[in-house]
Amino acid sequence: MYLTASKLNAEAFSPYGEVVEHRGQAVRNTLSNPFSSAGPDMAWGFSVNLLSRQALDRIRVRTLERHPYSAQTFIPLVPSRHVVVVGLSDHAGKLSIPTLRAFITNGRQGISYKTAVWHFAFTAIDSDSEVAVILGKTGRDDDTEYTELDKDALIVPDRQES
């Protein structure tokens, strides 16, 4: 299976979450997604992760995860494009393969996945990268679920957008 990675934009990404970037002329653009699942039993984690660069033509997507109780946000701290792979759940909560999409950030964009959106690792492709990550946790050790594709999905760039 091949996933064609298109340029990340707010409209195309909206079923899966929000793009973290400044848009338009407003002094402040407020995101609604990152803390939308805040509840009395939610503790917020904030970390900085180091990501090793991966060659775009070698990225193999097999395992995806989702967080059933919290959005997850990635904010790049250094300029580097990243690959974002997302998918929605079917009526039974399983990954719906037809909803799988791949995007490439412009080097300055972050993302905030909606609660329970399936996603592959936020992957740096230009250089090693550092990202700030925000994720709520319930403390019940049930904050992350995983699923496996039957076979690897390979990422290919959308040549029309290159």
N, C-alpha and C. Protein backbone atom coordinates (compact mmCIF):
# COMPACT_ATOMS: atom_id res chain seq x y z
N MET A 1 0.85 -1.17 0.00
CA MET A 1 0.00 0.00 0.00
C MET A 1 0.90 1.23 0.00
N TYR A 2 0.49 2.22 -0.77
CA TYR A 2 1.20 3.50 -0.82
C TYR A 2 0.29 4.60 -0.29
N LEU A 3 0.88 5.51 0.46
CA LEU A 3 0.17 6.70 0.94
C LEU A 3 0.84 7.91 0.32
N THR A 4 0.10 8.65 -0.48
CA THR A 4 0.63 9.85 -1.10
C THR A 4 0.55 11.00 -0.11
N ALA A 5 1.70 11.57 0.19
CA ALA A 5 1.79 12.65 1.18
C ALA A 5 1.62 14.00 0.50
N SER A 6 0.58 14.70 0.87
CA SER A 6 0.34 16.04 0.32
C SER A 6 0.78 17.10 1.34
N LYS A 7 0.88 18.33 0.88
CA LYS A 7 1.25 19.43 1.78
C LYS A 7 0.18 19.58 2.85
N LEU A 8 0.64 19.73 4.09
CA LEU A 8 -0.28 19.90 5.21
C LEU A 8 -0.98 21.25 5.11
N ASN A 9 -2.31 21.22 5.21
CA ASN A 9 -3.07 22.46 5.30
C ASN A 9 -4.26 22.24 6.23
N ALA A 10 -4.74 23.30 6.82
CA ALA A 10 -5.77 23.22 7.85
C ALA A 10 -7.05 22.56 7.35
N GLU A 11 -7.48 22.88 6.15
CA GLU A 11 -8.74 22.33 5.64
C GLU A 11 -8.66 20.81 5.46
N ALA A 12 -7.61 20.34 4.81
CA ALA A 12 -7.48 18.90 4.56
C ALA A 12 -7.26 18.12 5.85
N PHE A 13 -6.61 18.74 6.83
CA PHE A 13 -6.29 18.06 8.08
C PHE A 13 -7.44 18.11 9.09
N SER A 14 -8.44 18.95 8.87
CA SER A 14 -9.48 19.21 9.87
C SER A 14 -10.23 17.97 10.37
N PRO A 15 -10.46 16.93 9.58
CA PRO A 15 -11.12 15.75 10.17
C PRO A 15 -10.27 15.07 11.25
N TYR A 16 -8.98 15.31 11.23
CA TYR A 16 -8.04 14.62 12.12
C TYR A 16 -7.56 15.49 13.27
N GLY A 17 -7.66 16.81 13.12
CA GLY A 17 -7.17 17.71 14.15
C GLY A 17 -6.93 19.10 13.60
N GLU A 18 -6.03 19.79 14.26
CA GLU A 18 -5.72 21.16 13.89
C GLU A 18 -4.25 21.30 13.53
N VAL A 19 -3.97 22.20 12.59
CA VAL A 19 -2.59 22.54 12.25
C VAL A 19 -2.15 23.66 13.19
N VAL A 20 -0.99 23.49 13.80
CA VAL A 20 -0.45 24.49 14.71
C VAL A 20 0.42 25.43 13.89
N GLU A 21 -0.12 26.60 13.60
CA GLU A 21 0.59 27.60 12.82
C GLU A 21 -0.17 28.92 12.94
N HIS A 22 0.50 30.00 12.61
CA HIS A 22 -0.18 31.29 12.57
C HIS A 22 -0.73 31.49 11.18
N ARG A 23 -2.00 31.86 11.10
CA ARG A 23 -2.64 32.10 9.81
C ARG A 23 -3.33 33.46 9.84
N GLY A 24 -3.30 34.12 8.71
CA GLY A 24 -4.02 35.38 8.59
C GLY A 24 -3.32 36.53 9.28
N GLN A 25 -4.11 37.57 9.56
CA GLN A 25 -3.56 38.80 10.13
C GLN A 25 -3.83 38.96 11.62
N ALA A 26 -4.55 38.03 12.21
CA ALA A 26 -4.86 38.15 13.63
C ALA A 26 -3.59 38.08 14.46
N VAL A 27 -3.58 38.81 15.56
CA VAL A 27 -2.43 38.79 16.46
C VAL A 27 -2.32 37.42 17.12
N ARG A 28 -3.45 36.79 17.37
CA ARG A 28 -3.47 35.48 18.04
C ARG A 28 -4.47 34.58 17.34
N ASN A 29 -4.06 33.36 17.07
CA ASN A 29 -4.96 32.31 16.57
C ASN A 29 -5.07 31.25 17.66
N THR A 30 -6.25 31.10 18.20
CA THR A 30 -6.47 30.16 19.31
C THR A 30 -6.86 28.81 18.76
N LEU A 31 -6.23 27.76 19.27
CA LEU A 31 -6.57 26.39 18.90
C LEU A 31 -7.55 25.85 19.92
N SER A 32 -8.54 25.12 19.45
CA SER A 32 -9.54 24.56 20.36
C SER A 32 -9.22 23.13 20.76
N ASN A 33 -8.44 22.43 19.97
CA ASN A 33 -8.24 21.01 20.14
C ASN A 33 -7.31 20.59 21.29
N PRO A 34 -6.16 21.21 21.52
CA PRO A 34 -5.18 20.63 22.44
C PRO A 34 -5.70 20.28 23.83
N PHE A 35 -6.56 21.07 24.40
CA PHE A 35 -7.03 20.80 25.76
C PHE A 35 -8.53 20.54 25.81
N SER A 36 -9.09 20.13 24.69
CA SER A 36 -10.54 19.92 24.60
C SER A 36 -11.02 18.78 25.49
N SER A 37 -10.15 17.86 25.85
CA SER A 37 -10.56 16.71 26.65
C SER A 37 -10.25 16.89 28.13
N ALA A 38 -9.95 18.11 28.53
CA ALA A 38 -9.61 18.35 29.93
C ALA A 38 -10.75 17.94 30.84
N GLY A 39 -10.45 17.09 31.78
CA GLY A 39 -11.44 16.63 32.76
C GLY A 39 -10.77 16.55 34.12
N PRO A 40 -11.56 16.26 35.14
CA PRO A 40 -10.99 16.25 36.49
C PRO A 40 -9.94 15.16 36.70
N ASP A 41 -9.98 14.08 35.92
CA ASP A 41 -9.00 13.01 36.11
C ASP A 41 -7.85 13.09 35.10
N MET A 42 -7.72 14.19 34.39
CA MET A 42 -6.69 14.33 33.36
C MET A 42 -5.49 15.10 33.91
N ALA A 43 -4.30 14.49 33.81
CA ALA A 43 -3.05 15.17 34.15
C ALA A 43 -2.33 15.42 32.84
N TRP A 44 -1.83 16.62 32.65
CA TRP A 44 -1.21 16.97 31.39
C TRP A 44 0.29 16.73 31.44
N GLY A 45 0.77 16.02 30.43
CA GLY A 45 2.20 15.80 30.28
C GLY A 45 2.74 16.71 29.21
N PHE A 46 3.94 17.20 29.42
CA PHE A 46 4.60 18.08 28.47
C PHE A 46 6.04 17.62 28.39
N SER A 47 6.47 17.22 27.20
CA SER A 47 7.83 16.73 27.04
C SER A 47 8.45 17.34 25.80
N VAL A 48 9.77 17.22 25.70
CA VAL A 48 10.48 17.60 24.49
C VAL A 48 11.16 16.33 23.99
N ASN A 49 10.84 15.94 22.75
CA ASN A 49 11.36 14.71 22.17
C ASN A 49 12.36 15.02 21.07
N LEU A 50 13.40 14.22 21.00
CA LEU A 50 14.37 14.30 19.93
C LEU A 50 13.98 13.26 18.87
N LEU A 51 13.83 13.71 17.63
CA LEU A 51 13.46 12.83 16.53
C LEU A 51 14.63 12.71 15.57
N SER A 52 15.01 11.50 15.22
CA SER A 52 16.06 11.27 14.23
C SER A 52 15.46 11.37 12.84
N ARG A 53 16.16 12.02 11.97
CA ARG A 53 15.72 12.18 10.58
C ARG A 53 15.55 10.82 9.93
N GLN A 54 14.47 10.70 9.14
CA GLN A 54 14.20 9.50 8.36
C GLN A 54 14.11 9.90 6.88
N ALA A 55 14.70 9.12 6.01
CA ALA A 55 14.57 9.39 4.58
C ALA A 55 13.13 9.12 4.15
N LEU A 56 12.54 10.08 3.47
CA LEU A 56 11.13 9.98 3.08
C LEU A 56 10.84 8.68 2.34
N ASP A 57 11.74 8.27 1.45
CA ASP A 57 11.48 7.07 0.65
C ASP A 57 11.72 5.77 1.43
N ARG A 58 12.07 5.88 2.70
CA ARG A 58 12.30 4.69 3.52
C ARG A 58 11.31 4.56 4.68
N ILE A 59 10.38 5.48 4.79
CA ILE A 59 9.42 5.42 5.89
C ILE A 59 8.41 4.31 5.60
N ARG A 60 8.31 3.40 6.55
CA ARG A 60 7.37 2.28 6.44
C ARG A 60 6.41 2.38 7.62
N VAL A 61 5.15 2.55 7.31
CA VAL A 61 4.12 2.70 8.33
C VAL A 61 3.51 1.33 8.59
N ARG A 62 3.58 0.85 9.82
CA ARG A 62 2.97 -0.43 10.16
C ARG A 62 2.11 -0.28 11.42
N THR A 63 2.68 0.34 12.46
CA THR A 63 1.98 0.49 13.73
C THR A 63 1.46 1.91 13.88
N LEU A 64 0.18 2.03 14.21
CA LEU A 64 -0.41 3.33 14.51
C LEU A 64 -0.94 3.29 15.93
N GLU A 65 -1.08 4.45 16.53
CA GLU A 65 -1.61 4.55 17.88
C GLU A 65 -2.70 5.61 17.94
N ARG A 66 -3.45 5.56 19.01
CA ARG A 66 -4.42 6.63 19.28
C ARG A 66 -4.52 6.79 20.79
N HIS A 67 -5.03 7.93 21.19
CA HIS A 67 -5.20 8.25 22.60
C HIS A 67 -6.69 8.49 22.82
N PRO A 68 -7.39 7.54 23.45
CA PRO A 68 -8.85 7.61 23.52
C PRO A 68 -9.40 8.70 24.42
N TYR A 69 -8.56 9.31 25.26
CA TYR A 69 -9.06 10.30 26.20
C TYR A 69 -8.47 11.68 26.03
N SER A 70 -7.55 11.83 25.09
CA SER A 70 -6.85 13.11 24.98
C SER A 70 -6.42 13.41 23.55
N ALA A 71 -6.39 14.67 23.24
CA ALA A 71 -5.71 15.14 22.04
C ALA A 71 -4.21 14.99 22.29
N GLN A 72 -3.43 14.99 21.22
CA GLN A 72 -1.97 15.02 21.35
C GLN A 72 -1.45 16.08 20.40
N THR A 73 -0.52 16.89 20.90
CA THR A 73 -0.02 18.02 20.14
C THR A 73 1.50 17.93 19.99
N PHE A 74 1.98 18.20 18.76
CA PHE A 74 3.40 18.23 18.45
C PHE A 74 3.76 19.62 17.94
N ILE A 75 4.72 20.26 18.56
CA ILE A 75 5.15 21.61 18.18
C ILE A 75 6.65 21.57 17.89
N PRO A 76 7.05 21.70 16.61
CA PRO A 76 8.48 21.68 16.29
C PRO A 76 9.22 22.84 16.95
N LEU A 77 10.41 22.54 17.45
CA LEU A 77 11.24 23.57 18.07
C LEU A 77 12.39 24.00 17.17
N VAL A 78 12.62 23.24 16.11
CA VAL A 78 13.63 23.59 15.10
C VAL A 78 12.98 23.39 13.73
N PRO A 79 13.38 24.16 12.72
CA PRO A 79 12.78 24.01 11.40
C PRO A 79 13.15 22.66 10.78
N SER A 80 12.16 21.90 10.44
CA SER A 80 12.33 20.63 9.71
C SER A 80 10.95 20.19 9.26
N ARG A 81 10.88 19.71 8.04
CA ARG A 81 9.60 19.15 7.61
C ARG A 81 9.39 17.81 8.32
N HIS A 82 8.11 17.49 8.54
CA HIS A 82 7.74 16.24 9.20
C HIS A 82 6.65 15.55 8.39
N VAL A 83 6.64 14.24 8.46
CA VAL A 83 5.56 13.44 7.88
C VAL A 83 4.55 13.17 8.97
N VAL A 84 3.27 13.32 8.62
CA VAL A 84 2.16 13.08 9.51
C VAL A 84 1.24 12.07 8.82
N VAL A 85 0.97 10.95 9.48
CA VAL A 85 0.06 9.93 8.94
C VAL A 85 -1.07 9.75 9.93
N VAL A 86 -2.32 9.85 9.44
CA VAL A 86 -3.49 9.80 10.31
C VAL A 86 -4.58 8.94 9.71
N GLY A 87 -5.48 8.49 10.57
CA GLY A 87 -6.64 7.73 10.14
C GLY A 87 -7.75 7.83 11.17
N LEU A 88 -8.97 7.63 10.72
CA LEU A 88 -10.13 7.69 11.60
C LEU A 88 -10.58 6.28 11.98
N SER A 89 -11.42 6.20 12.98
CA SER A 89 -11.98 4.92 13.41
C SER A 89 -13.27 4.61 12.68
N ASP A 90 -13.54 3.32 12.51
CA ASP A 90 -14.83 2.90 12.00
C ASP A 90 -15.83 2.85 13.15
N HIS A 91 -17.04 2.38 12.91
CA HIS A 91 -18.09 2.37 13.93
C HIS A 91 -17.73 1.50 15.14
N ALA A 92 -16.80 0.54 14.97
CA ALA A 92 -16.38 -0.34 16.06
C ALA A 92 -15.11 0.15 16.76
N GLY A 93 -14.59 1.30 16.33
CA GLY A 93 -13.38 1.84 16.94
C GLY A 93 -12.09 1.36 16.32
N LYS A 94 -12.18 0.54 15.28
CA LYS A 94 -10.99 0.05 14.58
C LYS A 94 -10.56 1.06 13.53
N LEU A 95 -9.29 1.00 13.14
CA LEU A 95 -8.79 1.89 12.09
C LEU A 95 -9.53 1.65 10.79
N SER A 96 -10.05 2.70 10.20
CA SER A 96 -10.70 2.65 8.89
C SER A 96 -9.64 2.93 7.83
N ILE A 97 -9.19 1.89 7.16
CA ILE A 97 -8.11 2.01 6.18
C ILE A 97 -8.40 3.07 5.10
N PRO A 98 -9.64 3.18 4.60
CA PRO A 98 -9.89 4.20 3.57
C PRO A 98 -9.68 5.65 4.05
N THR A 99 -9.62 5.87 5.37
CA THR A 99 -9.43 7.23 5.88
C THR A 99 -7.96 7.58 6.12
N LEU A 100 -7.05 6.62 5.87
CA LEU A 100 -5.62 6.91 6.07
C LEU A 100 -5.17 8.01 5.13
N ARG A 101 -4.46 8.99 5.68
CA ARG A 101 -3.91 10.09 4.90
C ARG A 101 -2.51 10.39 5.38
N ALA A 102 -1.68 10.89 4.47
CA ALA A 102 -0.33 11.32 4.82
C ALA A 102 -0.15 12.77 4.40
N PHE A 103 0.56 13.52 5.23
CA PHE A 103 0.83 14.93 4.98
C PHE A 103 2.30 15.21 5.25
N ILE A 104 2.80 16.28 4.65
CA ILE A 104 4.15 16.77 4.93
C ILE A 104 4.02 18.21 5.38
N THR A 105 4.59 18.53 6.54
CA THR A 105 4.55 19.90 7.04
C THR A 105 5.50 20.78 6.23
N ASN A 106 5.37 22.08 6.40
CA ASN A 106 6.22 23.01 5.65
C ASN A 106 7.51 23.35 6.38
N GLY A 107 7.78 22.72 7.50
CA GLY A 107 8.99 22.98 8.27
C GLY A 107 8.77 23.84 9.49
N ARG A 108 7.61 24.49 9.57
CA ARG A 108 7.27 25.34 10.71
C ARG A 108 5.95 24.95 11.34
N GLN A 109 5.23 24.04 10.75
CA GLN A 109 3.90 23.66 11.25
C GLN A 109 3.99 22.53 12.28
N GLY A 110 3.12 22.62 13.27
CA GLY A 110 2.89 21.53 14.20
C GLY A 110 1.50 21.00 13.96
N ILE A 111 1.13 20.01 14.75
CA ILE A 111 -0.22 19.45 14.62
C ILE A 111 -0.78 19.11 16.00
N SER A 112 -2.09 19.10 16.08
CA SER A 112 -2.78 18.66 17.28
C SER A 112 -3.85 17.66 16.85
N TYR A 113 -3.59 16.38 17.12
CA TYR A 113 -4.56 15.34 16.76
C TYR A 113 -5.78 15.44 17.65
N LYS A 114 -6.95 15.25 17.09
CA LYS A 114 -8.16 15.13 17.89
C LYS A 114 -8.08 13.88 18.75
N THR A 115 -8.86 13.86 19.80
CA THR A 115 -8.95 12.67 20.65
C THR A 115 -9.32 11.46 19.80
N ALA A 116 -8.61 10.35 20.01
CA ALA A 116 -8.88 9.04 19.40
C ALA A 116 -8.58 8.96 17.90
N VAL A 117 -7.81 9.90 17.37
CA VAL A 117 -7.40 9.80 15.96
C VAL A 117 -6.17 8.89 15.89
N TRP A 118 -6.23 7.91 15.01
CA TRP A 118 -5.09 7.01 14.80
C TRP A 118 -3.97 7.80 14.12
N HIS A 119 -2.73 7.56 14.54
CA HIS A 119 -1.61 8.27 13.93
C HIS A 119 -0.32 7.45 14.05
N PHE A 120 0.54 7.69 13.08
CA PHE A 120 1.89 7.13 13.06
C PHE A 120 2.80 8.13 13.75
N ALA A 121 4.00 7.70 14.08
CA ALA A 121 4.96 8.59 14.73
C ALA A 121 5.19 9.86 13.91
N PHE A 122 5.18 10.99 14.57
CA PHE A 122 5.51 12.28 13.95
C PHE A 122 6.98 12.16 13.53
N THR A 123 7.27 12.23 12.22
CA THR A 123 8.56 11.81 11.69
C THR A 123 9.29 12.95 10.98
N ALA A 124 10.50 13.27 11.43
CA ALA A 124 11.32 14.31 10.81
C ALA A 124 11.94 13.78 9.52
N ILE A 125 11.94 14.63 8.45
CA ILE A 125 12.50 14.17 7.18
C ILE A 125 13.63 15.06 6.64
N ASP A 126 13.80 16.28 7.11
CA ASP A 126 14.88 17.13 6.61
C ASP A 126 16.14 17.01 7.44
N SER A 127 15.97 16.96 8.73
CA SER A 127 17.10 16.88 9.66
C SER A 127 16.57 16.34 10.97
N ASP A 128 17.50 15.99 11.87
CA ASP A 128 17.05 15.62 13.21
C ASP A 128 16.23 16.79 13.74
N SER A 129 15.28 16.50 14.60
CA SER A 129 14.35 17.53 15.03
C SER A 129 14.07 17.42 16.52
N GLU A 130 13.61 18.50 17.08
CA GLU A 130 13.14 18.53 18.46
C GLU A 130 11.70 19.02 18.43
N VAL A 131 10.83 18.34 19.16
CA VAL A 131 9.43 18.74 19.20
C VAL A 131 8.93 18.74 20.64
N ALA A 132 8.12 19.72 20.95
CA ALA A 132 7.42 19.74 22.23
C ALA A 132 6.13 18.94 22.04
N VAL A 133 5.82 18.10 23.02
CA VAL A 133 4.66 17.21 22.93
C VAL A 133 3.78 17.42 24.16
N ILE A 134 2.48 17.60 23.92
CA ILE A 134 1.50 17.75 25.00
C ILE A 134 0.50 16.61 24.88
N LEU A 135 0.29 15.88 25.98
CA LEU A 135 -0.65 14.76 26.00
C LEU A 135 -1.25 14.62 27.38
N GLY A 136 -2.57 14.51 27.45
CA GLY A 136 -3.24 14.28 28.72
C GLY A 136 -3.22 12.80 29.06
N LYS A 137 -3.13 12.50 30.36
CA LYS A 137 -3.13 11.11 30.82
C LYS A 137 -4.10 10.96 31.98
N THR A 138 -4.78 9.82 31.99
CA THR A 138 -5.77 9.55 33.03
C THR A 138 -5.17 8.94 34.28
N GLY A 139 -3.97 8.36 34.15
CA GLY A 139 -3.37 7.68 35.29
C GLY A 139 -3.86 6.25 35.45
N ARG A 140 -4.68 5.78 34.51
CA ARG A 140 -5.21 4.40 34.58
C ARG A 140 -4.44 3.45 33.66
N ASP A 141 -3.37 3.90 33.05
CA ASP A 141 -2.55 3.09 32.15
C ASP A 141 -3.34 2.61 30.93
N ASP A 142 -4.29 3.43 30.48
CA ASP A 142 -5.10 3.07 29.30
C ASP A 142 -5.13 4.23 28.30
N ASP A 143 -4.08 5.01 28.28
CA ASP A 143 -4.06 6.24 27.49
C ASP A 143 -3.64 6.06 26.04
N THR A 144 -3.08 4.91 25.69
CA THR A 144 -2.63 4.67 24.33
C THR A 144 -3.08 3.29 23.87
N GLU A 145 -3.67 3.25 22.67
CA GLU A 145 -4.05 2.00 22.03
C GLU A 145 -3.27 1.89 20.74
N TYR A 146 -2.94 0.66 20.33
CA TYR A 146 -2.16 0.42 19.13
C TYR A 146 -2.93 -0.47 18.16
N THR A 147 -2.61 -0.30 16.88
CA THR A 147 -3.12 -1.20 15.85
C THR A 147 -2.02 -1.42 14.82
N GLU A 148 -2.10 -2.55 14.14
CA GLU A 148 -1.11 -2.92 13.12
C GLU A 148 -1.79 -3.03 11.76
N LEU A 149 -1.13 -2.50 10.75
CA LEU A 149 -1.59 -2.72 9.39
C LEU A 149 -1.20 -4.14 8.98
N ASP A 150 -1.93 -4.73 8.04
CA ASP A 150 -1.60 -6.07 7.56
C ASP A 150 -0.23 -6.10 6.89
N LYS A 151 0.12 -5.01 6.22
CA LYS A 151 1.45 -4.89 5.61
C LYS A 151 1.85 -3.42 5.65
N ASP A 152 3.14 -3.18 5.46
CA ASP A 152 3.65 -1.81 5.53
C ASP A 152 2.98 -0.92 4.48
N ALA A 153 2.75 0.31 4.89
CA ALA A 153 2.35 1.36 3.95
C ALA A 153 3.58 2.22 3.70
N LEU A 154 3.84 2.52 2.45
CA LEU A 154 5.00 3.32 2.08
C LEU A 154 4.55 4.74 1.74
N ILE A 155 5.33 5.71 2.16
CA ILE A 155 5.01 7.12 1.92
C ILE A 155 5.65 7.56 0.61
N VAL A 156 4.86 8.20 -0.24
CA VAL A 156 5.38 8.79 -1.46
C VAL A 156 4.89 10.24 -1.52
N PRO A 157 5.77 11.16 -1.93
CA PRO A 157 5.35 12.56 -1.99
C PRO A 157 4.40 12.79 -3.17
N ASP A 158 3.49 13.71 -3.01
CA ASP A 158 2.58 14.11 -4.08
C ASP A 158 3.39 14.95 -5.06
N ARG A 159 3.69 14.42 -6.21
CA ARG A 159 4.53 15.12 -7.20
C ARG A 159 3.90 16.39 -7.72
N GLN A 160 2.58 16.48 -7.67
CA GLN A 160 1.89 17.69 -8.15
C GLN A 160 2.09 18.85 -7.18
N GLU A 161 2.46 18.55 -5.93
CA GLU A 161 2.62 19.61 -4.94
C GLU A 161 4.07 19.88 -4.61
N SER A 162 4.99 19.18 -5.21
CA SER A 162 6.42 19.35 -4.91
C SER A 162 6.96 20.64 -5.48
